[in-house]
Protein backbone atom coordinates (compact mmCIF):
# COMPACT_ATOMS: atom_id res chain seq x y z
CA MET A 1 96.18 -0.79 171.55
CA SER A 2 98.62 -3.47 169.92
CA ASP A 3 101.71 -2.61 167.85
CA GLY A 4 99.94 -3.88 164.98
CA GLU A 5 96.86 -1.64 165.21
CA ARG A 6 99.14 1.34 166.04
CA ALA A 7 101.00 0.66 162.80
CA ILE A 8 97.67 0.39 160.89
CA ARG A 9 96.24 3.44 162.22
CA GLU A 10 99.57 5.52 161.41
CA ARG A 11 99.41 4.01 157.70
CA VAL A 12 95.88 5.21 157.21
CA ASP A 13 96.46 8.57 158.80
CA THR A 14 99.59 8.89 156.46
CA TRP A 15 97.47 7.82 153.64
CA LEU A 16 94.54 10.07 154.46
CA ALA A 17 96.97 13.14 154.96
CA ALA A 18 98.64 12.64 151.48
CA SER A 19 95.42 11.89 149.79
CA ARG A 20 94.33 15.11 150.91
CA ALA A 21 97.29 16.79 150.34
CA GLY A 22 97.15 15.61 146.84
CA LEU A 23 93.63 16.55 146.30
CA ALA A 24 94.48 19.95 147.25
CA VAL A 25 97.38 20.13 145.00
CA ARG A 26 95.37 18.71 141.96
CA ALA A 27 92.46 21.59 142.59
CA GLN A 28 95.01 24.32 142.49
CA ARG A 29 97.34 22.64 139.59
CA THR A 30 96.14 21.25 136.31
CA ARG A 31 99.50 19.60 135.33
CA PRO A 32 100.17 16.20 137.54
CA ALA A 33 102.44 15.86 140.25
CA PRO A 34 105.83 14.03 139.79
CA GLY A 35 105.84 10.44 140.55
CA PRO A 36 103.83 7.94 140.17
CA ALA A 37 100.10 8.49 140.27
CA PRO A 38 98.07 6.55 142.80
CA THR A 39 95.36 4.69 141.11
């Protein structure tokens, strides 16, 4: 695996983890999370 592929995979993994966490928080709370919301 090249460095570029590893960087992309890490970025995707980070995005998926953040997205999953965001969905879990959104399901538990009605108020929006602080910070800019992803579109």
